[in-house]
Amino acid sequence: MRYTIHNILIFILSSVLIAFLINSASAGEWYGSGQKLYTIASGKIHGDIYINGGHGYSKENPYLEYFKVPEGVKYARLYVPMWNYNKGDTVDVVINNFSLKTRYEPDYVAAWGVSCYVYNATDYVKSGLNKVEVYYKNPNGAPYAVILIAVYEDPTKPVVQFWITEGNYALSKKDNLQEDIVQFKGTIDKKEVNNATLWTVIIAGTPKEKDELYFNSQLLGVDVGRAKNGSYFDFDSFNV
């Protein structure tokens, strides 16, 4: 049986000197280097992976994003990366007019408050158009983006093997943290693979730094975090 492999890699923080994005007077407290990338979900399914998001750092409140999702969703994960988390901040997410529980702390936080709120959205997304609203209390910050990943079943499609990884690792020359490495564990017979795709979401990238991306030691890009898809936001896919 021929099948498709999708490698889905979620970067929450890219290799940038986050200290220079905004002056320290308006930034939050220092939260350290953060969480290295790790696999949160993996598996095989007759179907495919939906991944989309946007649209860059903005102080609009609510922050809105729309997703057109296929039928047959078996697993969905929603990401809301946020700049400048401080204690006392709140985030409220509404999916298709259903309000999720108020969040007082992010799942991941690093550097001067670069954070990410993560939700299991499996029970809230539907086939067709989905509306996500993010209401937040954060005097000196705002969302970078809203990203949705949905694993969906479709018997007419080939088998897809997937990995979803996430993290929030603050890379900087100052702290000698200049790379993050993640492994996709599992056995793959290349003779049975039609194609393989690597997706990346990079937060807080700017044109001033050169962020390189490698897959199995092969260089995929020399400037992948340059805010090309919105303010401090990069969303890419690579045929690997």
C-alpha atoms as a PDB file:
ATOM      1  CA  MET A   1       0.000   0.000   0.000  1.00  0.00           C
ATOM      2  CA  ARG A   2       1.300   3.411  -0.925  1.00  0.00           C
ATOM      3  CA  TYR A   3       0.815   6.133   1.650  1.00  0.00           C
ATOM      4  CA  THR A   4       1.631   9.764   2.310  1.00  0.00           C
ATOM      5  CA  ILE A   5       3.774  11.003   5.169  1.00  0.00           C
ATOM      6  CA  HIS A   6       3.205  14.427   6.687  1.00  0.00           C
ATOM      7  CA  ASN A   7       5.719  15.670   9.232  1.00  0.00           C
ATOM      8  CA  ILE A   8       4.056  18.532  11.089  1.00  0.00           C
ATOM      9  CA  LEU A   9       6.408  20.660  13.114  1.00  0.00           C
ATOM     10  CA  ILE A  10       5.167  23.550  15.238  1.00  0.00           C
ATOM     11  CA  PHE A  11       7.735  26.121  16.311  1.00  0.00           C
ATOM     12  CA  ILE A  12       6.370  28.523  18.897  1.00  0.00           C
ATOM     13  CA  LEU A  13       9.516  30.609  19.166  1.00  0.00           C
ATOM     14  CA  SER A  14      12.152  30.968  16.478  1.00  0.00           C
ATOM     15  CA  SER A  15      15.882  31.529  16.799  1.00  0.00           C
ATOM     16  CA  VAL A  16      15.760  35.273  17.311  1.00  0.00           C
ATOM     17  CA  LEU A  17      17.142  37.586  19.935  1.00  0.00           C
ATOM     18  CA  ILE A  18      13.773  38.220  21.484  1.00  0.00           C
ATOM     19  CA  ALA A  19      15.241  40.900  23.718  1.00  0.00           C
ATOM     20  CA  PHE A  20      15.434  43.295  20.814  1.00  0.00           C
ATOM     21  CA  LEU A  21      11.822  43.004  19.694  1.00  0.00           C
ATOM     22  CA  ILE A  22      10.616  45.477  22.304  1.00  0.00           C
ATOM     23  CA  ASN A  23      12.417  47.458  24.994  1.00  0.00           C
ATOM     24  CA  SER A  24      12.692  45.875  28.416  1.00  0.00           C
ATOM     25  CA  ALA A  25      10.650  48.618  30.107  1.00  0.00           C
ATOM     26  CA  SER A  26       7.433  47.332  28.526  1.00  0.00           C
ATOM     27  CA  ALA A  27       8.358  43.644  28.452  1.00  0.00           C
ATOM     28  CA  GLY A  28       7.382  41.059  31.040  1.00  0.00           C
ATOM     29  CA  GLU A  29       9.671  39.334  33.520  1.00  0.00           C
ATOM     30  CA  TRP A  30      12.322  36.923  32.289  1.00  0.00           C
ATOM     31  CA  TYR A  31      10.980  33.352  32.067  1.00  0.00           C
ATOM     32  CA  GLY A  32      14.102  31.522  30.942  1.00  0.00           C
ATOM     33  CA  SER A  33      14.787  29.486  27.818  1.00  0.00           C
ATOM     34  CA  GLY A  34      11.396  27.739  27.694  1.00  0.00           C
ATOM     35  CA  GLN A  35      10.360  24.313  26.407  1.00  0.00           C
ATOM     36  CA  LYS A  36      12.280  22.430  23.728  1.00  0.00           C
ATOM     37  CA  LEU A  37      10.283  20.946  20.870  1.00  0.00           C
ATOM     38  CA  TYR A  38       8.722  17.540  21.583  1.00  0.00           C
ATOM     39  CA  THR A  39       6.118  15.283  19.984  1.00  0.00           C
ATOM     40  CA  ILE A  40       2.610  15.778  21.368  1.00  0.00           C
ATOM     41  CA  ALA A  41       0.755  13.474  18.950  1.00  0.00           C
ATOM     42  CA  SER A  42       1.535  10.994  16.171  1.00  0.00           C
ATOM     43  CA  GLY A  43      -0.134   8.203  14.263  1.00  0.00           C
ATOM     44  CA  LYS A  44      -1.553   6.943  10.964  1.00  0.00           C
ATOM     45  CA  ILE A  45      -4.962   7.540   9.415  1.00  0.00           C
ATOM     46  CA  HIS A  46      -6.817   7.147   6.119  1.00  0.00           C
ATOM     47  CA  GLY A  47      -7.245  10.852   5.457  1.00  0.00           C
ATOM     48  CA  ASP A  48      -5.084  13.937   5.750  1.00  0.00           C
ATOM     49  CA  ILE A  49      -3.935  16.799   7.960  1.00  0.00           C
ATOM     50  CA  TYR A  50      -5.438  20.281   7.861  1.00  0.00           C
ATOM     51  CA  ILE A  51      -3.156  23.047   9.103  1.00  0.00           C
ATOM     52  CA  ASN A  52      -3.718  26.762   8.729  1.00  0.00           C
ATOM     53  CA  GLY A  53      -3.425  29.994  10.628  1.00  0.00           C
ATOM     54  CA  GLY A  54      -2.475  33.626  10.717  1.00  0.00           C
ATOM     55  CA  HIS A  55      -2.127  36.485  10.588  1.00  0.00           C
ATOM     56  CA  GLY A  56       0.676  38.111  12.536  1.00  0.00           C
ATOM     57  CA  TYR A  57       1.061  40.223  15.662  1.00  0.00           C
ATOM     58  CA  SER A  58      -1.852  42.611  16.110  1.00  0.00           C
ATOM     59  CA  LYS A  59      -3.549  44.337  19.035  1.00  0.00           C
ATOM     60  CA  GLU A  60      -7.018  43.811  17.604  1.00  0.00           C
ATOM     61  CA  ASN A  61      -9.289  42.563  20.369  1.00  0.00           C
ATOM     62  CA  PRO A  62     -10.897  40.193  19.693  1.00  0.00           C
ATOM     63  CA  TYR A  63      -8.268  38.653  17.452  1.00  0.00           C
ATOM     64  CA  LEU A  64     -10.183  36.789  14.721  1.00  0.00           C
ATOM     65  CA  GLU A  65      -9.230  33.879  12.485  1.00  0.00           C
ATOM     66  CA  TYR A  66     -11.336  31.680  10.210  1.00  0.00           C
ATOM     67  CA  PHE A  67     -10.706  28.057   9.213  1.00  0.00           C
ATOM     68  CA  LYS A  68     -12.423  25.967   6.533  1.00  0.00           C
ATOM     69  CA  VAL A  69     -12.131  22.443   7.928  1.00  0.00           C
ATOM     70  CA  PRO A  70     -12.920  19.167   6.086  1.00  0.00           C
ATOM     71  CA  GLU A  71     -15.329  16.537   7.420  1.00  0.00           C
ATOM     72  CA  GLY A  72     -14.239  13.639   9.616  1.00  0.00           C
ATOM     73  CA  VAL A  73     -12.062  15.428  12.201  1.00  0.00           C
ATOM     74  CA  LYS A  74     -10.627  12.969  14.727  1.00  0.00           C
ATOM     75  CA  TYR A  75      -8.192  15.250  16.528  1.00  0.00           C
ATOM     76  CA  ALA A  76      -7.718  19.019  16.536  1.00  0.00           C
ATOM     77  CA  ARG A  77      -5.296  21.281  18.339  1.00  0.00           C
ATOM     78  CA  LEU A  78      -5.477  25.086  18.530  1.00  0.00           C
ATOM     79  CA  TYR A  79      -2.522  27.363  19.283  1.00  0.00           C
ATOM     80  CA  VAL A  80      -2.631  30.996  20.427  1.00  0.00           C
ATOM     81  CA  PRO A  81       0.933  32.350  20.755  1.00  0.00           C
ATOM     82  CA  MET A  82       1.039  35.619  22.695  1.00  0.00           C
ATOM     83  CA  TRP A  83       3.605  38.341  23.281  1.00  0.00           C
ATOM     84  CA  ASN A  84       4.440  39.651  26.758  1.00  0.00           C
ATOM     85  CA  TYR A  85       2.661  37.395  29.230  1.00  0.00           C
ATOM     86  CA  ASN A  86       2.511  38.719  32.790  1.00  0.00           C
ATOM     87  CA  LYS A  87       0.779  37.358  35.877  1.00  0.00           C
ATOM     88  CA  GLY A  88      -2.788  38.626  35.931  1.00  0.00           C
ATOM     89  CA  ASP A  89      -3.275  38.379  32.170  1.00  0.00           C
ATOM     90  CA  THR A  90      -6.270  36.440  30.871  1.00  0.00           C
ATOM     91  CA  VAL A  91      -7.168  34.806  27.559  1.00  0.00           C
ATOM     92  CA  ASP A  92     -10.663  33.765  26.482  1.00  0.00           C
ATOM     93  CA  VAL A  93     -11.111  31.727  23.306  1.00  0.00           C
ATOM     94  CA  VAL A  94     -14.456  31.351  21.552  1.00  0.00           C
ATOM     95  CA  ILE A  95     -14.824  28.664  18.857  1.00  0.00           C
ATOM     96  CA  ASN A  96     -17.996  28.816  16.782  1.00  0.00           C
ATOM     97  CA  ASN A  97     -19.722  30.855  19.524  1.00  0.00           C
ATOM     98  CA  PHE A  98     -18.738  28.320  22.207  1.00  0.00           C
ATOM     99  CA  SER A  99     -16.673  29.915  24.995  1.00  0.00           C
ATOM    100  CA  LEU A 100     -13.791  27.879  26.364  1.00  0.00           C
ATOM    101  CA  LYS A 101     -12.634  28.191  29.955  1.00  0.00           C
ATOM    102  CA  THR A 102     -10.787  31.410  30.815  1.00  0.00           C
ATOM    103  CA  ARG A 103      -7.036  30.857  30.885  1.00  0.00           C
ATOM    104  CA  TYR A 104      -4.892  32.637  33.473  1.00  0.00           C
ATOM    105  CA  GLU A 105      -1.597  30.986  32.558  1.00  0.00           C
ATOM    106  CA  PRO A 106      -0.132  29.827  29.231  1.00  0.00           C
ATOM    107  CA  ASP A 107       1.018  26.293  28.489  1.00  0.00           C
ATOM    108  CA  TYR A 108       4.436  27.572  27.454  1.00  0.00           C
ATOM    109  CA  VAL A 109       6.313  30.762  28.285  1.00  0.00           C
ATOM    110  CA  ALA A 110       9.900  31.861  27.655  1.00  0.00           C
ATOM    111  CA  ALA A 111      12.149  34.914  27.400  1.00  0.00           C
ATOM    112  CA  TRP A 112      10.283  38.139  28.250  1.00  0.00           C
ATOM    113  CA  GLY A 113       6.843  36.623  28.190  1.00  0.00           C
ATOM    114  CA  VAL A 114       6.697  35.015  24.738  1.00  0.00           C
ATOM    115  CA  SER A 115       3.980  32.486  25.484  1.00  0.00           C
ATOM    116  CA  CYS A 116       1.525  30.069  23.915  1.00  0.00           C
ATOM    117  CA  TYR A 117      -1.934  28.913  24.954  1.00  0.00           C
ATOM    118  CA  VAL A 118      -2.812  25.454  23.607  1.00  0.00           C
ATOM    119  CA  TYR A 119      -6.273  23.872  23.351  1.00  0.00           C
ATOM    120  CA  ASN A 120      -7.602  20.453  22.430  1.00  0.00           C
ATOM    121  CA  ALA A 121     -10.230  21.661  19.960  1.00  0.00           C
ATOM    122  CA  THR A 122     -11.488  18.252  18.815  1.00  0.00           C
ATOM    123  CA  ASP A 123     -14.961  18.683  20.286  1.00  0.00           C
ATOM    124  CA  TYR A 124     -15.410  22.255  19.069  1.00  0.00           C
ATOM    125  CA  VAL A 125     -14.412  22.348  15.404  1.00  0.00           C
ATOM    126  CA  LYS A 126     -16.901  21.399  12.701  1.00  0.00           C
ATOM    127  CA  SER A 127     -16.781  20.687   8.996  1.00  0.00           C
ATOM    128  CA  GLY A 128     -16.977  23.854   6.946  1.00  0.00           C
ATOM    129  CA  LEU A 129     -16.211  27.375   8.134  1.00  0.00           C
ATOM    130  CA  ASN A 130     -15.006  27.782  11.721  1.00  0.00           C
ATOM    131  CA  LYS A 131     -14.673  31.114  13.517  1.00  0.00           C
ATOM    132  CA  VAL A 132     -12.134  31.544  16.317  1.00  0.00           C
ATOM    133  CA  GLU A 133     -12.191  34.650  18.510  1.00  0.00           C
ATOM    134  CA  VAL A 134      -9.489  35.459  21.062  1.00  0.00           C
ATOM    135  CA  TYR A 135     -10.341  37.988  23.777  1.00  0.00           C
ATOM    136  CA  TYR A 136      -7.431  38.935  25.979  1.00  0.00           C
ATOM    137  CA  LYS A 137      -6.352  41.136  28.855  1.00  0.00           C
ATOM    138  CA  ASN A 138      -2.690  41.926  28.272  1.00  0.00           C
ATOM    139  CA  PRO A 139      -1.813  45.642  28.597  1.00  0.00           C
ATOM    140  CA  ASN A 140       1.543  45.430  26.790  1.00  0.00           C
ATOM    141  CA  GLY A 141       1.017  42.429  24.510  1.00  0.00           C
ATOM    142  CA  ALA A 142      -1.245  40.708  22.010  1.00  0.00           C
ATOM    143  CA  PRO A 143      -1.549  37.512  19.936  1.00  0.00           C
ATOM    144  CA  TYR A 144       0.972  36.655  17.251  1.00  0.00           C
ATOM    145  CA  ALA A 145      -1.445  34.318  15.470  1.00  0.00           C
ATOM    146  CA  VAL A 146      -4.057  31.597  15.797  1.00  0.00           C
ATOM    147  CA  ILE A 147      -3.105  28.210  14.311  1.00  0.00           C
ATOM    148  CA  LEU A 148      -5.311  25.149  13.902  1.00  0.00           C
ATOM    149  CA  ILE A 149      -4.207  21.577  13.206  1.00  0.00           C
ATOM    150  CA  ALA A 150      -6.896  18.991  12.448  1.00  0.00           C
ATOM    151  CA  VAL A 151      -6.322  15.306  11.718  1.00  0.00           C
ATOM    152  CA  TYR A 152      -9.272  14.089   9.666  1.00  0.00           C
ATOM    153  CA  GLU A 153     -10.459  10.759   8.313  1.00  0.00           C
ATOM    154  CA  ASP A 154     -11.375  10.251   4.652  1.00  0.00           C
ATOM    155  CA  PRO A 155     -11.606   6.649   3.356  1.00  0.00           C
ATOM    156  CA  THR A 156     -11.054   7.867  -0.217  1.00  0.00           C
ATOM    157  CA  LYS A 157      -7.591   9.181   0.657  1.00  0.00           C
ATOM    158  CA  PRO A 158      -4.383   7.186   1.225  1.00  0.00           C
ATOM    159  CA  VAL A 159      -2.896   6.457   4.632  1.00  0.00           C
ATOM    160  CA  VAL A 160      -1.137   9.416   6.219  1.00  0.00           C
ATOM    161  CA  GLN A 161       1.499   9.064   8.914  1.00  0.00           C
ATOM    162  CA  PHE A 162       1.923  12.205  10.991  1.00  0.00           C
ATOM    163  CA  TRP A 163       3.837  13.787  13.845  1.00  0.00           C
ATOM    164  CA  ILE A 164       2.786  16.954  15.655  1.00  0.00           C
ATOM    165  CA  THR A 165       5.465  18.639  17.732  1.00  0.00           C
ATOM    166  CA  GLU A 166       5.336  21.809  19.774  1.00  0.00           C
ATOM    167  CA  GLY A 167       7.535  23.878  22.042  1.00  0.00           C
ATOM    168  CA  ASN A 168       8.674  27.348  22.982  1.00  0.00           C
ATOM    169  CA  TYR A 169      12.458  27.467  23.088  1.00  0.00           C
ATOM    170  CA  ALA A 170      14.134  30.883  23.159  1.00  0.00           C
ATOM    171  CA  LEU A 171      17.268  30.718  21.043  1.00  0.00           C
ATOM    172  CA  SER A 172      19.920  33.395  21.518  1.00  0.00           C
ATOM    173  CA  LYS A 173      23.648  33.825  21.039  1.00  0.00           C
ATOM    174  CA  LYS A 174      23.852  35.550  24.413  1.00  0.00           C
ATOM    175  CA  ASP A 175      22.805  32.386  26.260  1.00  0.00           C
ATOM    176  CA  ASN A 176      24.614  30.131  23.774  1.00  0.00           C
ATOM    177  CA  LEU A 177      21.277  28.563  22.780  1.00  0.00           C
ATOM    178  CA  GLN A 178      21.620  28.532  19.025  1.00  0.00           C
ATOM    179  CA  GLU A 179      19.605  25.503  17.920  1.00  0.00           C
ATOM    180  CA  ASP A 180      16.714  23.242  18.800  1.00  0.00           C
ATOM    181  CA  ILE A 181      16.503  19.689  17.470  1.00  0.00           C
ATOM    182  CA  VAL A 182      13.451  17.439  17.348  1.00  0.00           C
ATOM    183  CA  GLN A 183      13.272  13.793  16.248  1.00  0.00           C
ATOM    184  CA  PHE A 184      10.318  12.134  14.528  1.00  0.00           C
ATOM    185  CA  LYS A 185      10.498   8.624  15.959  1.00  0.00           C
ATOM    186  CA  GLY A 186       9.123   5.660  14.064  1.00  0.00           C
ATOM    187  CA  THR A 187       9.825   3.259  11.218  1.00  0.00           C
ATOM    188  CA  ILE A 188       9.408   4.450   7.634  1.00  0.00           C
ATOM    189  CA  ASP A 189       9.763   2.353   4.491  1.00  0.00           C
ATOM    190  CA  LYS A 190      10.710   4.922   1.843  1.00  0.00           C
ATOM    191  CA  LYS A 191       9.530   2.551  -0.896  1.00  0.00           C
ATOM    192  CA  GLU A 192       5.982   3.014   0.413  1.00  0.00           C
ATOM    193  CA  VAL A 193       6.113   6.811   0.643  1.00  0.00           C
ATOM    194  CA  ASN A 194       4.537   9.013  -2.029  1.00  0.00           C
ATOM    195  CA  ASN A 195       5.530  12.329  -0.473  1.00  0.00           C
ATOM    196  CA  ALA A 196       6.559  13.895   2.817  1.00  0.00           C
ATOM    197  CA  THR A 197       5.824  17.432   3.957  1.00  0.00           C
ATOM    198  CA  LEU A 198       7.276  19.443   6.811  1.00  0.00           C
ATOM    199  CA  TRP A 199       5.162  22.333   8.113  1.00  0.00           C
ATOM    200  CA  THR A 200       6.653  25.037  10.317  1.00  0.00           C
ATOM    201  CA  VAL A 201       5.204  27.902  12.291  1.00  0.00           C
ATOM    202  CA  ILE A 202       7.787  30.368  13.560  1.00  0.00           C
ATOM    203  CA  ILE A 203       6.906  33.144  15.979  1.00  0.00           C
ATOM    204  CA  ALA A 204       8.861  36.360  16.617  1.00  0.00           C
ATOM    205  CA  GLY A 205      11.062  36.208  13.538  1.00  0.00           C
ATOM    206  CA  THR A 206      12.285  39.448  11.967  1.00  0.00           C
ATOM    207  CA  PRO A 207      14.177  40.285   8.751  1.00  0.00           C
ATOM    208  CA  LYS A 208      17.208  41.331  10.806  1.00  0.00           C
ATOM    209  CA  GLU A 209      18.175  37.783  11.829  1.00  0.00           C
ATOM    210  CA  LYS A 210      18.976  34.795   9.632  1.00  0.00           C
ATOM    211  CA  ASP A 211      17.193  31.699  10.936  1.00  0.00           C
ATOM    212  CA  GLU A 212      18.233  28.441   9.269  1.00  0.00           C
ATOM    213  CA  LEU A 213      16.105  25.303   9.077  1.00  0.00           C
ATOM    214  CA  TYR A 214      17.469  21.796   8.471  1.00  0.00           C
ATOM    215  CA  PHE A 215      15.785  18.430   7.957  1.00  0.00           C
ATOM    216  CA  ASN A 216      17.997  15.317   8.192  1.00  0.00           C
ATOM    217  CA  SER A 217      21.005  17.642   7.890  1.00  0.00           C
ATOM    218  CA  GLN A 218      19.692  19.106   4.615  1.00  0.00           C
ATOM    219  CA  LEU A 219      19.345  22.894   4.546  1.00  0.00           C
ATOM    220  CA  LEU A 220      15.749  23.904   3.781  1.00  0.00           C
ATOM    221  CA  GLY A 221      16.054  27.654   4.240  1.00  0.00           C
ATOM    222  CA  VAL A 222      18.557  30.283   5.311  1.00  0.00           C
ATOM    223  CA  ASP A 223      16.042  32.931   6.386  1.00  0.00           C
ATOM    224  CA  VAL A 224      12.862  31.125   7.406  1.00  0.00           C
ATOM    225  CA  GLY A 225      11.933  33.504  10.233  1.00  0.00           C
ATOM    226  CA  ARG A 226      11.627  36.907   8.571  1.00  0.00           C
ATOM    227  CA  ALA A 227       7.986  37.835   9.295  1.00  0.00           C
ATOM    228  CA  LYS A 228       6.883  37.152   5.714  1.00  0.00           C
ATOM    229  CA  ASN A 229       3.336  36.040   6.615  1.00  0.00           C
ATOM    230  CA  GLY A 230       2.556  38.849   9.026  1.00  0.00           C
ATOM    231  CA  SER A 231       4.188  40.796  11.815  1.00  0.00           C
ATOM    232  CA  TYR A 232       6.573  38.403  13.632  1.00  0.00           C
ATOM    233  CA  PHE A 233       4.883  35.411  11.955  1.00  0.00           C
ATOM    234  CA  ASP A 234       6.103  32.780   9.473  1.00  0.00           C
ATOM    235  CA  PHE A 235       4.081  29.823   8.199  1.00  0.00           C
ATOM    236  CA  ASP A 236       5.770  27.463   5.716  1.00  0.00           C
ATOM    237  CA  SER A 237       5.665  23.997   4.197  1.00  0.00           C
ATOM    238  CA  PHE A 238       8.560  22.071   2.686  1.00  0.00           C
ATOM    239  CA  ASN A 239       8.678  18.956   0.514  1.00  0.00           C
ATOM    240  CA  VAL A 240      11.156  16.749   2.337  1.00  0.00           C
END
